[in-house]
């Protein structure tokens, strides 16, 4: 059994400077106990790859992630919060009363492969990453005076979760400038659930809209 480096100075010099075989055996026994009780789910990670031992990752970054007995991320000390950001480029949106899912054409960052290229509108929670998430989004609607609604909507598994609506005042919306609508909220998400950005407008004609969405894991769900 290899002696832990913290005990190495005790063994140098032998004779008067050494320790008895009994002490060495006690040290070895204690080290074996620590090794066998160490959770197998502790490992170093760079956000995409997990090592099942404690040590330096192959990159130059350090970090520790701990999963619970159900395989769900419990604590993250990597300095890299699981998160992603996607941008929906300007595209035409027909007038209507139903939110329309937007395509994410550009991924600004994605620490744990939330984004799926097909369909290209989803951020999917990776295995072991279920928990409480902060979701934020913004939609930008081209200037148009007609209608009463400009909405930025968040969907979970294709179903309405929350939104923010800009409601036109008397005379409708400003015709000289675009309308920006932002929304955010905490959402409980399990592995394999997905989040989408959607938009709605009822100007009476098609409008160009653009936007972005961010998703970030903020912690585990209370037990």
Foldseek 3Di string as FASTA:
>chain_A
DDQDPVCVQQDPPPDPSHDDPVVVVVRVVVVVVCVVPPDQQKFWDQLADTDSDYDDDPDPFTWIWGADPVLATADTGRPDFQKWKFKFDWDKDWADDDWDFTFGPDIPDGRHPQADVVVRFKRFQAGNHFAKKKKKKKKKWFAAFADFWKKKFKDKQNHGDDIDIHGADVRGTGRPGIDMGMDMDMDGGHGGIIMGITIHHHRVGMIIMIMMMMMTHDRHDDD
